[in-house]
N, C-alpha and C. Protein backbone atom coordinates (compact mmCIF):
# COMPACT_ATOMS: atom_id res chain seq x y z
N UNK A 1 0.88 -1.04 -0.05
CA UNK A 1 -0.47 0.38 0.23
C UNK A 1 1.04 0.94 -0.05
N UNK A 2 0.20 2.34 -0.56
CA UNK A 2 1.23 2.94 -0.73
C UNK A 2 0.73 4.57 0.51
N UNK A 3 1.74 5.60 0.44
CA UNK A 3 1.06 5.95 1.52
C UNK A 3 0.18 7.48 1.39
N UNK A 4 -0.29 7.37 -0.32
CA UNK A 4 -1.41 7.88 -0.71
C UNK A 4 -2.88 7.33 -1.01
N UNK A 5 -2.72 5.94 -0.71
CA UNK A 5 -3.76 5.01 -0.38
C UNK A 5 -4.16 4.92 1.10
N UNK A 6 -3.14 4.95 1.51
CA UNK A 6 -3.12 4.91 3.05
C UNK A 6 -4.15 6.13 3.98
N UNK A 7 -3.39 7.21 3.18
CA UNK A 7 -4.43 8.54 3.20
C UNK A 7 -5.91 8.28 3.11
N UNK A 8 -6.32 7.92 1.53
CA UNK A 8 -6.72 8.67 1.20
C UNK A 8 -8.14 7.85 1.69
N UNK A 9 -7.40 6.32 2.57
CA UNK A 9 -8.55 5.12 2.86
C UNK A 9 -8.90 5.82 4.58
N UNK A 10 -8.36 6.39 5.62
CA UNK A 10 -8.22 6.62 6.35
C UNK A 10 -9.08 8.02 6.22
N UNK A 11 -8.62 9.02 5.31
CA UNK A 11 -9.89 9.65 4.92
C UNK A 11 -11.70 9.94 4.31
N UNK A 12 -10.88 8.67 4.58
CA UNK A 12 -12.50 8.04 3.63
C UNK A 12 -13.77 7.46 5.10
N UNK A 13 -12.41 7.01 5.44
CA UNK A 13 -13.19 6.68 6.90
C UNK A 13 -14.03 7.31 7.92
N UNK A 14 -13.27 8.74 7.88
CA UNK A 14 -13.34 9.82 8.63
C UNK A 14 -14.59 9.90 8.66
N UNK A 15 -14.90 10.38 7.30
CA UNK A 15 -16.09 11.35 6.83
C UNK A 15 -17.06 9.85 6.88
N UNK A 16 -17.35 8.66 7.00
CA UNK A 16 -17.95 7.95 7.00
C UNK A 16 -18.31 8.13 8.97
N UNK A 17 -17.49 7.74 9.70
CA UNK A 17 -17.45 8.32 10.70
C UNK A 17 -18.37 10.42 10.50
N UNK A 18 -18.50 10.61 9.98
CA UNK A 18 -18.91 12.01 10.19
C UNK A 18 -20.11 11.94 9.82
N UNK A 19 -20.36 11.00 8.92
CA UNK A 19 -21.67 11.25 8.29
C UNK A 19 -22.61 10.22 9.44
N UNK A 20 -21.98 9.99 10.31
CA UNK A 20 -23.25 8.81 11.26
C UNK A 20 -23.47 10.00 12.49
N UNK A 21 -23.13 11.19 12.19
CA UNK A 21 -23.84 12.61 12.80
C UNK A 21 -25.11 12.70 11.84
N UNK A 22 -26.33 12.47 12.49
CA UNK A 22 -27.72 13.33 11.79
C UNK A 22 -27.04 14.74 11.71
N UNK A 23 -27.72 14.71 9.96
CA UNK A 23 -27.44 15.49 8.88
C UNK A 23 -27.76 17.10 9.62
N UNK A 24 -28.86 17.27 10.41
CA UNK A 24 -29.69 18.47 10.88
C UNK A 24 -28.61 18.86 11.90
N UNK A 25 -27.72 17.94 12.23
CA UNK A 25 -27.15 18.28 13.54
C UNK A 25 -25.49 19.01 13.22
N UNK A 26 -25.64 18.71 12.04
CA UNK A 26 -24.20 19.72 11.39
C UNK A 26 -24.18 20.58 10.34
N UNK A 27 -23.30 21.58 11.08
CA UNK A 27 -23.54 23.15 10.79
C UNK A 27 -21.99 23.05 9.20
N UNK A 28 -21.28 22.28 10.11
CA UNK A 28 -19.88 22.09 9.15
C UNK A 28 -18.76 20.77 8.96
N UNK A 29 -18.48 20.50 7.82
CA UNK A 29 -17.30 19.80 8.49
C UNK A 29 -16.03 19.82 7.53
N UNK A 30 -15.01 20.20 8.30
CA UNK A 30 -13.83 20.65 7.80
C UNK A 30 -12.63 19.53 8.12
N UNK A 31 -12.25 18.66 6.91
CA UNK A 31 -11.37 17.87 6.74
C UNK A 31 -10.50 18.25 6.57
N UNK A 32 -9.26 18.13 7.53
CA UNK A 32 -7.56 18.62 6.83
C UNK A 32 -7.67 18.12 5.53
N UNK A 33 -6.43 18.92 4.81
CA UNK A 33 -6.26 18.29 3.44
C UNK A 33 -4.92 17.37 3.90
N UNK A 34 -4.12 17.91 4.90
CA UNK A 34 -2.88 17.17 4.93
C UNK A 34 -2.87 16.71 6.39
N UNK A 35 -1.73 15.42 6.61
CA UNK A 35 -1.77 15.07 7.64
C UNK A 35 -0.09 14.46 8.09
N UNK A 36 0.51 13.85 9.26
CA UNK A 36 1.73 13.46 9.29
C UNK A 36 1.64 12.03 9.14
N UNK A 37 3.07 11.65 9.44
CA UNK A 37 3.02 10.44 9.27
C UNK A 37 3.72 9.83 10.98
N UNK A 38 3.55 8.91 11.24
CA UNK A 38 4.50 8.82 12.59
C UNK A 38 4.58 7.22 12.33
N UNK A 39 5.60 6.83 13.02
CA UNK A 39 6.31 5.35 12.56
C UNK A 39 5.90 4.38 13.10
N UNK A 40 5.45 3.41 12.37
CA UNK A 40 4.76 2.23 12.92
C UNK A 40 6.22 1.38 13.80
N UNK A 41 6.94 1.48 13.02
CA UNK A 41 8.30 0.16 13.00
C UNK A 41 9.98 0.88 12.79
N UNK A 42 10.60 0.02 12.27
CA UNK A 42 11.52 0.52 11.81
C UNK A 42 11.38 1.29 10.48
N UNK A 43 11.02 0.64 9.54
CA UNK A 43 10.56 0.77 8.27
C UNK A 43 9.20 1.04 7.98
N UNK A 44 8.28 1.13 8.69
CA UNK A 44 7.17 1.12 8.25
C UNK A 44 7.03 2.58 8.94
N UNK A 45 5.96 3.36 7.68
CA UNK A 45 5.02 4.61 8.91
C UNK A 45 3.30 4.16 9.19
N UNK A 46 2.22 5.15 9.56
CA UNK A 46 0.77 5.32 9.07
C UNK A 46 1.05 7.23 9.48
N UNK A 47 -0.14 6.88 8.25
CA UNK A 47 -0.40 8.25 8.40
C UNK A 47 -1.67 8.61 9.06
N UNK A 48 -1.42 10.06 9.97
CA UNK A 48 -2.82 10.67 10.65
C UNK A 48 -3.26 11.68 10.35
N UNK A 49 -4.49 11.99 10.80
CA UNK A 49 -5.04 13.16 10.06
C UNK A 49 -6.15 13.47 11.17
N UNK A 50 -7.27 14.24 10.39
CA UNK A 50 -8.23 14.97 11.20
C UNK A 50 -9.24 15.58 10.43
N UNK A 51 -10.31 15.62 11.16
CA UNK A 51 -11.56 16.07 10.98
C UNK A 51 -12.55 16.51 11.45
N UNK A 52 -12.71 17.81 11.62
CA UNK A 52 -13.67 18.63 12.59
C UNK A 52 -14.96 18.81 12.25
N UNK A 53 -15.98 18.59 13.19
CA UNK A 53 -17.31 18.99 12.78
C UNK A 53 -18.13 19.69 13.41
N UNK A 54 -18.58 20.59 12.91
CA UNK A 54 -19.49 21.83 13.97
C UNK A 54 -20.69 21.08 13.63
N UNK A 55 -21.17 21.34 15.07
CA UNK A 55 -22.26 21.24 15.28
C UNK A 55 -23.34 22.34 15.54
N UNK A 56 -24.25 21.88 14.86
CA UNK A 56 -25.98 23.24 15.17
C UNK A 56 -25.69 23.55 16.15
N UNK A 57 -26.34 24.88 16.36
CA UNK A 57 -26.58 25.46 17.30
C UNK A 57 -27.72 24.68 18.25
N UNK A 58 -27.33 24.76 19.62
CA UNK A 58 -28.22 23.69 20.04
C UNK A 58 -27.86 22.55 20.35
N UNK A 59 -26.94 21.74 19.39
CA UNK A 59 -26.40 20.54 19.98
C UNK A 59 -25.71 19.57 21.08
N UNK A 60 -26.66 19.08 21.54
CA UNK A 60 -26.26 17.95 22.66
C UNK A 60 -24.39 16.60 22.37
N UNK A 61 -23.41 17.49 22.66
CA UNK A 61 -22.30 17.09 21.55
C UNK A 61 -21.75 15.85 22.64
N UNK A 62 -21.94 15.37 23.76
CA UNK A 62 -22.31 14.08 24.41
C UNK A 62 -22.62 13.10 23.62
N UNK A 63 -24.43 13.73 23.90
CA UNK A 63 -25.64 13.14 23.00
C UNK A 63 -24.98 12.10 21.68
N UNK A 64 -24.75 13.19 21.29
CA UNK A 64 -24.32 12.88 20.05
C UNK A 64 -22.95 12.16 19.35
N UNK A 65 -21.96 11.76 20.09
CA UNK A 65 -20.90 11.16 20.00
C UNK A 65 -21.28 9.98 20.71
N UNK A 66 -22.48 9.49 21.70
CA UNK A 66 -22.93 8.03 22.19
C UNK A 66 -23.80 7.80 20.84
N UNK A 67 -24.66 8.81 20.21
CA UNK A 67 -25.56 7.67 19.17
C UNK A 67 -24.68 7.78 18.13
N UNK A 68 -23.53 8.22 17.73
CA UNK A 68 -22.70 8.34 16.98
C UNK A 68 -21.77 6.46 16.83
N UNK A 69 -21.88 6.94 18.38
CA UNK A 69 -21.17 4.88 19.15
C UNK A 69 -22.08 4.19 18.50
N UNK A 70 -23.18 4.31 19.07
CA UNK A 70 -24.53 3.20 18.40
C UNK A 70 -24.68 3.04 17.31
N UNK A 71 -24.48 4.16 16.53
CA UNK A 71 -24.71 3.83 15.09
C UNK A 71 -23.47 2.48 14.58
N UNK A 72 -22.30 3.20 14.76
CA UNK A 72 -20.90 2.59 14.54
C UNK A 72 -21.21 1.15 14.78
N UNK A 73 -21.41 1.10 16.42
CA UNK A 73 -21.73 -0.36 17.27
C UNK A 73 -22.81 -1.62 15.79
N UNK A 74 -23.78 -0.53 15.11
CA UNK A 74 -24.47 -1.51 14.16
C UNK A 74 -23.98 -1.79 13.65
N UNK A 75 -22.93 -0.91 12.86
CA UNK A 75 -22.38 -1.41 11.10
C UNK A 75 -21.06 -2.11 11.81
N UNK A 76 -20.87 -2.20 12.64
CA UNK A 76 -19.78 -3.27 12.85
C UNK A 76 -19.98 -4.37 13.47
N UNK A 77 -21.12 -4.91 13.63
CA UNK A 77 -22.01 -5.52 14.77
C UNK A 77 -21.58 -7.14 14.49
N UNK A 78 -21.37 -7.32 12.83
CA UNK A 78 -21.36 -8.32 12.17
C UNK A 78 -19.43 -8.23 11.56
N UNK A 79 -18.85 -7.63 12.01
CA UNK A 79 -17.27 -7.36 11.83
C UNK A 79 -16.70 -7.44 12.78
N UNK A 80 -15.58 -8.63 12.49
CA UNK A 80 -14.61 -8.75 13.59
C UNK A 80 -13.15 -7.43 13.60
N UNK A 81 -13.61 -6.69 12.39
CA UNK A 81 -12.38 -5.83 12.49
C UNK A 81 -12.27 -5.37 13.42
N UNK A 82 -12.74 -4.60 13.86
CA UNK A 82 -12.17 -3.15 14.72
C UNK A 82 -12.90 -3.71 15.79
N UNK A 83 -12.29 -3.36 16.97
CA UNK A 83 -13.37 -2.85 18.46
C UNK A 83 -13.03 -1.81 18.70
N UNK A 84 -14.56 -1.58 19.20
CA UNK A 84 -14.85 -0.39 19.35
C UNK A 84 -14.82 -0.06 20.83
N UNK A 85 -14.90 0.74 21.56
CA UNK A 85 -14.35 0.73 23.18
C UNK A 85 -14.72 2.26 23.30
N UNK A 86 -14.65 3.01 24.34
CA UNK A 86 -15.17 4.31 25.22
C UNK A 86 -14.85 4.25 26.03
N UNK A 87 -14.28 5.85 26.56
CA UNK A 87 -13.55 6.53 28.04
C UNK A 87 -14.08 7.51 28.43
N UNK A 88 -13.92 8.49 29.30
CA UNK A 88 -13.72 9.51 29.56
C UNK A 88 -12.03 10.09 29.43
N UNK A 89 -11.78 10.96 28.43
CA UNK A 89 -10.96 11.88 28.12
C UNK A 89 -10.56 12.33 30.09
N UNK A 90 -9.15 12.74 29.37
CA UNK A 90 -8.80 13.80 30.39
C UNK A 90 -9.94 15.08 31.39
N UNK A 91 -10.51 15.10 30.11
CA UNK A 91 -11.52 16.54 30.14
C UNK A 91 -12.49 16.08 30.80
N UNK A 92 -12.78 15.24 30.96
CA UNK A 92 -14.04 14.32 31.17
C UNK A 92 -14.94 14.16 30.13
N UNK A 93 -14.99 14.30 28.75
CA UNK A 93 -15.27 14.15 27.47
C UNK A 93 -15.82 12.92 27.03
N UNK A 94 -16.63 12.69 26.75
CA UNK A 94 -17.08 10.66 26.50
C UNK A 94 -16.11 10.98 24.97
N UNK A 95 -15.51 9.82 24.76
CA UNK A 95 -14.51 9.57 24.01
C UNK A 95 -15.10 8.62 23.24
N UNK A 96 -14.45 8.40 21.29
CA UNK A 96 -14.91 6.89 20.99
C UNK A 96 -13.75 6.73 20.32
N UNK A 97 -13.42 4.92 20.76
CA UNK A 97 -11.78 4.77 19.65
C UNK A 97 -12.77 3.25 19.06
N UNK A 98 -12.38 3.43 17.93
CA UNK A 98 -12.24 2.03 17.31
C UNK A 98 -10.79 1.67 16.53
N UNK A 99 -10.47 0.50 17.32
CA UNK A 99 -9.23 0.52 16.72
C UNK A 99 -9.53 -1.30 15.96
N UNK A 100 -8.34 -1.40 14.85
CA UNK A 100 -8.58 -2.55 14.40
C UNK A 100 -7.57 -3.85 15.20
N UNK A 101 -8.38 -4.68 14.33
CA UNK A 101 -8.09 -6.20 15.43
C UNK A 101 -6.90 -6.39 14.70
N UNK A 102 -6.03 -6.00 13.72
CA UNK A 102 -5.23 -6.87 13.10
C UNK A 102 -4.33 -5.93 12.30
N UNK A 103 -4.20 -4.81 12.11
CA UNK A 103 -3.62 -3.48 12.14
C UNK A 103 -3.33 -2.46 12.99
N UNK A 104 -2.20 -1.47 13.02
CA UNK A 104 -2.15 -0.59 14.04
C UNK A 104 -3.74 0.50 13.70
N UNK A 105 -4.38 0.48 12.33
CA UNK A 105 -5.24 1.13 11.92
C UNK A 105 -6.16 1.98 12.96
N UNK A 106 -6.63 3.26 13.39
CA UNK A 106 -7.37 3.13 14.61
C UNK A 106 -8.53 4.66 13.82
N UNK A 107 -9.61 4.81 15.07
CA UNK A 107 -10.03 6.45 14.63
C UNK A 107 -10.83 6.80 16.43
N UNK A 108 -10.61 8.12 15.96
CA UNK A 108 -10.88 8.10 17.82
C UNK A 108 -11.90 9.77 17.34
N UNK A 109 -12.92 9.37 18.23
CA UNK A 109 -13.46 10.69 17.95
C UNK A 109 -14.51 10.98 19.15
N UNK A 110 -14.64 12.65 19.58
CA UNK A 110 -15.27 12.96 20.90
C UNK A 110 -15.35 14.39 21.04
N UNK A 111 -15.52 15.22 21.92
CA UNK A 111 -16.00 16.59 21.76
C UNK A 111 -14.77 16.83 21.85
N UNK A 112 -14.24 18.06 20.61
CA UNK A 112 -13.19 19.01 21.11
C UNK A 112 -13.50 19.92 21.70
N UNK A 113 -14.94 20.57 21.49
CA UNK A 113 -15.40 21.48 22.66
C UNK A 113 -17.00 21.28 22.54
N UNK A 114 -17.75 22.11 23.16
CA UNK A 114 -18.97 22.36 23.12
C UNK A 114 -19.53 22.17 21.91
N UNK A 115 -19.26 22.46 20.96
CA UNK A 115 -19.50 22.25 19.59
C UNK A 115 -19.53 21.73 18.54
N UNK A 116 -17.97 20.88 18.59
CA UNK A 116 -17.53 20.30 17.78
C UNK A 116 -16.83 19.00 18.43
N UNK A 117 -17.25 17.97 16.91
CA UNK A 117 -16.51 16.85 17.48
C UNK A 117 -15.07 16.65 16.32
N UNK A 118 -14.21 16.42 17.11
CA UNK A 118 -12.95 16.06 16.12
C UNK A 118 -13.01 14.41 15.89
N UNK A 119 -12.35 14.17 14.77
CA UNK A 119 -12.00 12.76 14.32
C UNK A 119 -11.00 12.86 13.87
N UNK A 120 -10.23 11.61 14.58
CA UNK A 120 -8.63 11.49 14.35
C UNK A 120 -8.45 10.44 13.76
N UNK A 121 -7.29 10.38 12.22
CA UNK A 121 -7.63 8.88 12.06
C UNK A 121 -6.05 8.82 12.33
N UNK A 122 -5.52 7.29 11.93
CA UNK A 122 -3.91 6.59 12.10
C UNK A 122 -4.66 5.24 11.29
N UNK A 123 -3.90 5.48 9.72
CA UNK A 123 -4.23 4.98 8.25
C UNK A 123 -3.38 3.15 8.97
N UNK A 124 -3.07 2.34 8.09
CA UNK A 124 -2.77 0.98 8.14
C UNK A 124 -1.36 1.73 7.86
N UNK A 125 -0.40 0.76 8.49
CA UNK A 125 1.07 0.69 8.03
C UNK A 125 1.17 0.71 6.50
N UNK A 126 2.78 1.16 6.69
CA UNK A 126 3.46 0.80 5.17
C UNK A 126 4.57 1.05 4.93
N UNK A 127 5.65 1.14 3.78
CA UNK A 127 6.45 1.58 3.76
C UNK A 127 6.43 2.51 2.65
N UNK A 128 7.71 3.68 3.45
CA UNK A 128 7.49 4.83 2.30
C UNK A 128 8.68 3.81 1.21
N UNK A 129 8.74 4.68 -0.42
CA UNK A 129 9.23 5.03 -1.45
C UNK A 129 10.52 5.68 -1.17
N UNK A 130 11.78 4.57 -1.39
CA UNK A 130 13.31 5.01 -1.15
C UNK A 130 13.12 6.61 -1.36
N UNK A 131 13.86 7.51 -0.40
CA UNK A 131 14.38 8.10 -0.84
C UNK A 131 13.30 9.20 -0.48
N UNK A 132 11.70 9.17 0.49
CA UNK A 132 11.57 10.08 1.19
C UNK A 132 11.39 10.25 2.47
N UNK A 133 11.48 11.62 2.56
CA UNK A 133 11.30 11.65 3.89
C UNK A 133 10.70 11.71 4.56
N UNK A 134 10.42 10.98 6.06
CA UNK A 134 8.99 11.12 6.32
C UNK A 134 7.95 12.56 7.29
N UNK A 135 9.53 13.34 7.51
CA UNK A 135 8.66 14.23 8.03
C UNK A 135 7.71 15.36 7.55
N UNK A 136 7.49 16.52 7.89
CA UNK A 136 6.55 17.84 7.26
C UNK A 136 5.03 16.80 6.88
N UNK A 137 4.57 17.49 5.91
CA UNK A 137 3.06 17.38 5.84
C UNK A 137 3.03 16.32 4.59
N UNK A 138 1.73 15.55 4.94
CA UNK A 138 1.81 14.75 4.04
C UNK A 138 -0.26 14.71 3.53
């Protein structure tokens, strides 16, 4: 897999997660065009990126995140590819993580503030072509 394909797949899944939010609760979706590379091991990397979903005024962020988790659980109910868990982060915000069972691929979503949900992604691991420096924006 190329880094471009890993990025495209991760961004596509970020948008699929964003679509779990009822459309009448979405004011804006901002998927960042570029991300960064993290090391998986000595030879492989993974792409990481983020999408922000600004909610309509008056939306209940935690309620929407819990609803997203329920919808994700329904989609993945027959799948053994991902394990979905939830927890309260250090700010006591309800956070959901979908971790691939067979790779480093993962997605994390929860309140960024009282009107924004962030969706973070980590792609499957891949090997960069010879001579490509892993620093900077991808």
